[in-house]
Amino acid sequence: MRNIRTAAVASATALTVLAGGTAIASAEGAPQNKPAEETNSSSKAEDNKDAKADRAVIFAGKQTDGVKANGKTEADKDFGQVVSDGTKGLFGGHGSSQYVTQEDAKTPFYPTDAFGKKTNPELVPQWARLWIDGTVVAGIGALVGLVIAGVNFASYNGWIQLPQF
């Protein structure tokens, strides 16, 4: 039992150091000489009068007029088309970059557009929204698995009695 605790403490420490190092490295790599207009896309949301600000980005669905890297507005792909194009790209030897359009893949993601005080899903690229939604679904799955494992552990140790079917 002592080895398991030691391994858990070592894993938690390694994860903390990794997260701290990543945050420091990303802060050091941030562009310093660019104007605020280029580094913070939330100013674009304030200038865009048609933008629907303060909407949830998580599970926002298909956006019809999202801003892309080339400055044009373009509708997102349907989810079925995203999966179809991605699997064709993976099995065809083109890689996973086929899931979204090339313009969308080049569009930068600014976390303040998704998680700031004023959120705007139209400024968040489709690839980033897919990652955000996938992370939420994975987190929910992990919590459900944790509850199931806890009930199983409690049942195995006799702490609770499960119904007999």
C-alpha atoms as a PDB file:
ATOM      1  CA  MET A   1       0.000   0.000   0.000  1.00  0.00           C
ATOM      2  CA  ARG A   2       2.906   2.319   0.672  1.00  0.00           C
ATOM      3  CA  ASN A   3       4.143   2.001  -2.925  1.00  0.00           C
ATOM      4  CA  ILE A   4       0.745   2.988  -4.304  1.00  0.00           C
ATOM      5  CA  ARG A   5       0.653   6.114  -2.128  1.00  0.00           C
ATOM      6  CA  THR A   6       4.198   7.019  -3.143  1.00  0.00           C
ATOM      7  CA  ALA A   7       3.317   6.568  -6.811  1.00  0.00           C
ATOM      8  CA  ALA A   8       0.194   8.710  -6.401  1.00  0.00           C
ATOM      9  CA  VAL A   9       2.139  11.520  -4.743  1.00  0.00           C
ATOM     10  CA  ALA A  10       4.850  11.344  -7.413  1.00  0.00           C
ATOM     11  CA  SER A  11       2.231  11.453 -10.196  1.00  0.00           C
ATOM     12  CA  ALA A  12       0.458  14.436  -8.637  1.00  0.00           C
ATOM     13  CA  THR A  13       3.764  16.279  -8.232  1.00  0.00           C
ATOM     14  CA  ALA A  14       4.781  15.551 -11.818  1.00  0.00           C
ATOM     15  CA  LEU A  15       1.417  16.762 -13.109  1.00  0.00           C
ATOM     16  CA  THR A  16       1.704  19.983 -11.101  1.00  0.00           C
ATOM     17  CA  VAL A  17       5.211  20.661 -12.370  1.00  0.00           C
ATOM     18  CA  LEU A  18       4.101  19.929 -15.937  1.00  0.00           C
ATOM     19  CA  ALA A  19       1.119  22.296 -15.719  1.00  0.00           C
ATOM     20  CA  GLY A  20       3.218  25.036 -14.120  1.00  0.00           C
ATOM     21  CA  GLY A  21       5.969  24.674 -16.696  1.00  0.00           C
ATOM     22  CA  THR A  22       3.488  24.774 -19.551  1.00  0.00           C
ATOM     23  CA  ALA A  23       1.893  27.954 -18.188  1.00  0.00           C
ATOM     24  CA  ILE A  24       5.282  29.631 -17.826  1.00  0.00           C
ATOM     25  CA  ALA A  25       6.402  28.551 -21.297  1.00  0.00           C
ATOM     26  CA  SER A  26       3.208  29.808 -22.920  1.00  0.00           C
ATOM     27  CA  ALA A  27       3.494  33.121 -21.085  1.00  0.00           C
ATOM     28  CA  GLU A  28       7.086  33.537 -22.269  1.00  0.00           C
ATOM     29  CA  GLY A  29       6.155  32.650 -25.844  1.00  0.00           C
ATOM     30  CA  ALA A  30       3.311  35.165 -26.080  1.00  0.00           C
ATOM     31  CA  PRO A  31       3.872  37.921 -28.660  1.00  0.00           C
ATOM     32  CA  GLN A  32       4.908  41.167 -26.989  1.00  0.00           C
ATOM     33  CA  ASN A  33       5.208  43.588 -29.893  1.00  0.00           C
ATOM     34  CA  LYS A  34       1.872  43.061 -31.624  1.00  0.00           C
ATOM     35  CA  PRO A  35      -0.951  45.551 -31.157  1.00  0.00           C
ATOM     36  CA  ALA A  36      -3.765  44.607 -28.815  1.00  0.00           C
ATOM     37  CA  GLU A  37      -6.068  44.190 -31.796  1.00  0.00           C
ATOM     38  CA  GLU A  38      -4.060  41.204 -33.058  1.00  0.00           C
ATOM     39  CA  THR A  39      -3.322  39.544 -29.726  1.00  0.00           C
ATOM     40  CA  ASN A  40      -6.772  39.806 -28.188  1.00  0.00           C
ATOM     41  CA  SER A  41      -9.661  38.896 -30.435  1.00  0.00           C
ATOM     42  CA  SER A  42     -12.260  39.915 -27.842  1.00  0.00           C
ATOM     43  CA  SER A  43     -11.906  43.464 -29.202  1.00  0.00           C
ATOM     44  CA  LYS A  44     -13.216  42.079 -32.516  1.00  0.00           C
ATOM     45  CA  ALA A  45     -16.352  40.937 -30.731  1.00  0.00           C
ATOM     46  CA  GLU A  46     -16.991  44.411 -29.374  1.00  0.00           C
ATOM     47  CA  ASP A  47     -16.526  45.976 -32.812  1.00  0.00           C
ATOM     48  CA  ASN A  48     -18.788  43.462 -34.520  1.00  0.00           C
ATOM     49  CA  LYS A  49     -22.315  44.756 -33.923  1.00  0.00           C
ATOM     50  CA  ASP A  50     -23.898  41.627 -35.379  1.00  0.00           C
ATOM     51  CA  ALA A  51     -21.975  39.349 -33.004  1.00  0.00           C
ATOM     52  CA  LYS A  52     -24.054  37.625 -30.369  1.00  0.00           C
ATOM     53  CA  ALA A  53     -21.829  38.081 -27.345  1.00  0.00           C
ATOM     54  CA  ASP A  54     -22.248  36.443 -23.960  1.00  0.00           C
ATOM     55  CA  ARG A  55     -23.428  33.122 -25.333  1.00  0.00           C
ATOM     56  CA  ALA A  56     -22.146  29.843 -24.007  1.00  0.00           C
ATOM     57  CA  VAL A  57     -19.390  28.301 -26.112  1.00  0.00           C
ATOM     58  CA  ILE A  58     -19.817  24.806 -24.696  1.00  0.00           C
ATOM     59  CA  PHE A  59     -22.170  22.807 -26.941  1.00  0.00           C
ATOM     60  CA  ALA A  60     -22.873  25.916 -29.019  1.00  0.00           C
ATOM     61  CA  GLY A  61     -23.559  23.832 -32.110  1.00  0.00           C
ATOM     62  CA  LYS A  62     -22.984  24.771 -35.725  1.00  0.00           C
ATOM     63  CA  GLN A  63     -22.157  28.445 -36.317  1.00  0.00           C
ATOM     64  CA  THR A  64     -23.333  29.956 -39.579  1.00  0.00           C
ATOM     65  CA  ASP A  65     -21.022  32.962 -39.754  1.00  0.00           C
ATOM     66  CA  GLY A  66     -17.863  32.299 -37.774  1.00  0.00           C
ATOM     67  CA  VAL A  67     -14.768  34.434 -38.429  1.00  0.00           C
ATOM     68  CA  LYS A  68     -11.868  32.548 -40.048  1.00  0.00           C
ATOM     69  CA  ALA A  69      -8.161  33.322 -40.399  1.00  0.00           C
ATOM     70  CA  ASN A  70      -8.581  34.894 -43.831  1.00  0.00           C
ATOM     71  CA  GLY A  71     -11.115  37.377 -42.434  1.00  0.00           C
ATOM     72  CA  LYS A  72     -14.046  35.867 -44.325  1.00  0.00           C
ATOM     73  CA  THR A  73     -17.103  34.472 -42.637  1.00  0.00           C
ATOM     74  CA  GLU A  74     -17.774  30.828 -43.299  1.00  0.00           C
ATOM     75  CA  ALA A  75     -20.291  28.335 -41.990  1.00  0.00           C
ATOM     76  CA  ASP A  76     -19.092  25.327 -39.983  1.00  0.00           C
ATOM     77  CA  LYS A  77     -19.249  21.815 -41.330  1.00  0.00           C
ATOM     78  CA  ASP A  78     -21.996  19.523 -40.089  1.00  0.00           C
ATOM     79  CA  PHE A  79     -20.819  17.030 -37.468  1.00  0.00           C
ATOM     80  CA  GLY A  80     -21.444  14.098 -39.804  1.00  0.00           C
ATOM     81  CA  GLN A  81     -19.353  15.763 -42.490  1.00  0.00           C
ATOM     82  CA  VAL A  82     -16.579  16.473 -39.948  1.00  0.00           C
ATOM     83  CA  VAL A  83     -16.413  12.798 -38.981  1.00  0.00           C
ATOM     84  CA  SER A  84     -16.663  11.615 -42.596  1.00  0.00           C
ATOM     85  CA  ASP A  85     -13.926  13.934 -43.894  1.00  0.00           C
ATOM     86  CA  GLY A  86     -11.692  13.188 -40.915  1.00  0.00           C
ATOM     87  CA  THR A  87     -11.894   9.429 -41.285  1.00  0.00           C
ATOM     88  CA  LYS A  88     -11.307   9.702 -45.052  1.00  0.00           C
ATOM     89  CA  GLY A  89      -8.226  11.795 -44.304  1.00  0.00           C
ATOM     90  CA  LEU A  90      -6.941   9.395 -41.660  1.00  0.00           C
ATOM     91  CA  PHE A  91      -7.436   6.236 -43.721  1.00  0.00           C
ATOM     92  CA  GLY A  92      -6.340   7.958 -46.938  1.00  0.00           C
ATOM     93  CA  GLY A  93      -2.960   8.894 -45.484  1.00  0.00           C
ATOM     94  CA  HIS A  94      -3.650  12.654 -45.312  1.00  0.00           C
ATOM     95  CA  GLY A  95      -3.655  12.905 -41.516  1.00  0.00           C
ATOM     96  CA  SER A  96      -6.215  14.231 -39.080  1.00  0.00           C
ATOM     97  CA  SER A  97      -6.158  17.780 -40.475  1.00  0.00           C
ATOM     98  CA  GLN A  98      -9.079  16.910 -42.746  1.00  0.00           C
ATOM     99  CA  TYR A  99     -11.648  17.087 -39.944  1.00  0.00           C
ATOM    100  CA  VAL A 100     -12.204  20.833 -40.388  1.00  0.00           C
ATOM    101  CA  THR A 101     -11.628  23.156 -43.331  1.00  0.00           C
ATOM    102  CA  GLN A 102      -8.103  24.422 -44.034  1.00  0.00           C
ATOM    103  CA  GLU A 103      -9.142  28.006 -43.225  1.00  0.00           C
ATOM    104  CA  ASP A 104     -10.595  26.916 -39.911  1.00  0.00           C
ATOM    105  CA  ALA A 105      -7.466  24.923 -39.075  1.00  0.00           C
ATOM    106  CA  LYS A 106      -5.372  28.083 -39.569  1.00  0.00           C
ATOM    107  CA  THR A 107      -7.653  30.228 -37.406  1.00  0.00           C
ATOM    108  CA  PRO A 108      -6.044  30.977 -34.031  1.00  0.00           C
ATOM    109  CA  PHE A 109      -7.897  30.246 -30.817  1.00  0.00           C
ATOM    110  CA  TYR A 110      -7.999  32.848 -28.050  1.00  0.00           C
ATOM    111  CA  PRO A 111      -9.258  31.380 -24.751  1.00  0.00           C
ATOM    112  CA  THR A 112     -10.770  34.712 -23.748  1.00  0.00           C
ATOM    113  CA  ASP A 113     -13.348  34.331 -26.541  1.00  0.00           C
ATOM    114  CA  ALA A 114     -14.532  31.047 -25.026  1.00  0.00           C
ATOM    115  CA  PHE A 115     -14.001  31.552 -21.299  1.00  0.00           C
ATOM    116  CA  GLY A 116     -13.720  35.300 -20.728  1.00  0.00           C
ATOM    117  CA  LYS A 117     -16.236  37.737 -19.299  1.00  0.00           C
ATOM    118  CA  LYS A 118     -17.788  38.204 -22.739  1.00  0.00           C
ATOM    119  CA  THR A 119     -17.878  34.997 -24.743  1.00  0.00           C
ATOM    120  CA  ASN A 120     -18.657  34.708 -28.425  1.00  0.00           C
ATOM    121  CA  PRO A 121     -18.853  31.281 -30.073  1.00  0.00           C
ATOM    122  CA  GLU A 122     -18.659  32.827 -33.549  1.00  0.00           C
ATOM    123  CA  LEU A 123     -15.056  33.908 -32.873  1.00  0.00           C
ATOM    124  CA  VAL A 124     -14.020  30.473 -31.592  1.00  0.00           C
ATOM    125  CA  PRO A 125     -12.892  28.217 -34.469  1.00  0.00           C
ATOM    126  CA  GLN A 126     -14.775  24.990 -35.013  1.00  0.00           C
ATOM    127  CA  TRP A 127     -11.745  22.845 -34.151  1.00  0.00           C
ATOM    128  CA  ALA A 128     -11.483  24.561 -30.747  1.00  0.00           C
ATOM    129  CA  ARG A 129     -15.204  24.131 -30.048  1.00  0.00           C
ATOM    130  CA  LEU A 130     -14.896  20.427 -30.905  1.00  0.00           C
ATOM    131  CA  TRP A 131     -11.997  20.116 -28.432  1.00  0.00           C
ATOM    132  CA  ILE A 132     -13.921  21.997 -25.726  1.00  0.00           C
ATOM    133  CA  ASP A 133     -17.025  19.852 -26.196  1.00  0.00           C
ATOM    134  CA  GLY A 134     -14.940  16.662 -26.270  1.00  0.00           C
ATOM    135  CA  THR A 135     -13.215  17.663 -23.043  1.00  0.00           C
ATOM    136  CA  VAL A 136     -16.556  18.287 -21.338  1.00  0.00           C
ATOM    137  CA  VAL A 137     -17.923  14.922 -22.508  1.00  0.00           C
ATOM    138  CA  ALA A 138     -14.731  13.150 -21.359  1.00  0.00           C
ATOM    139  CA  GLY A 139     -14.952  14.871 -17.961  1.00  0.00           C
ATOM    140  CA  ILE A 140     -18.558  13.783 -17.522  1.00  0.00           C
ATOM    141  CA  GLY A 141     -17.593  10.222 -18.507  1.00  0.00           C
ATOM    142  CA  ALA A 142     -14.750  10.253 -15.995  1.00  0.00           C
ATOM    143  CA  LEU A 143     -17.075  11.399 -13.202  1.00  0.00           C
ATOM    144  CA  VAL A 144     -19.641   8.719 -14.056  1.00  0.00           C
ATOM    145  CA  GLY A 145     -16.871   6.118 -14.071  1.00  0.00           C
ATOM    146  CA  LEU A 146     -15.651   7.371 -10.704  1.00  0.00           C
ATOM    147  CA  VAL A 147     -19.140   7.035  -9.215  1.00  0.00           C
ATOM    148  CA  ILE A 148     -19.533   3.520 -10.643  1.00  0.00           C
ATOM    149  CA  ALA A 149     -16.115   2.516  -9.293  1.00  0.00           C
ATOM    150  CA  GLY A 150     -16.992   3.951  -5.870  1.00  0.00           C
ATOM    151  CA  VAL A 151     -20.265   2.041  -5.715  1.00  0.00           C
ATOM    152  CA  ASN A 152     -18.491  -1.131  -6.834  1.00  0.00           C
ATOM    153  CA  PHE A 153     -15.794  -0.679  -4.175  1.00  0.00           C
ATOM    154  CA  ALA A 154     -18.357  -0.014  -1.457  1.00  0.00           C
ATOM    155  CA  SER A 155     -20.396  -3.048  -2.526  1.00  0.00           C
ATOM    156  CA  TYR A 156     -17.360  -5.335  -2.632  1.00  0.00           C
ATOM    157  CA  ASN A 157     -16.267  -4.281   0.860  1.00  0.00           C
ATOM    158  CA  GLY A 158     -19.765  -4.742   2.289  1.00  0.00           C
ATOM    159  CA  TRP A 159     -20.412  -1.067   3.029  1.00  0.00           C
ATOM    160  CA  ILE A 160     -23.595  -1.063   0.930  1.00  0.00           C
ATOM    161  CA  GLN A 161     -25.910  -3.827  -0.244  1.00  0.00           C
ATOM    162  CA  LEU A 162     -26.840  -3.780  -3.927  1.00  0.00           C
ATOM    163  CA  PRO A 163     -30.309  -5.032  -4.913  1.00  0.00           C
ATOM    164  CA  GLN A 164     -30.564  -8.599  -6.187  1.00  0.00           C
ATOM    165  CA  PHE A 165     -32.107  -8.924  -9.636  1.00  0.00           C
END
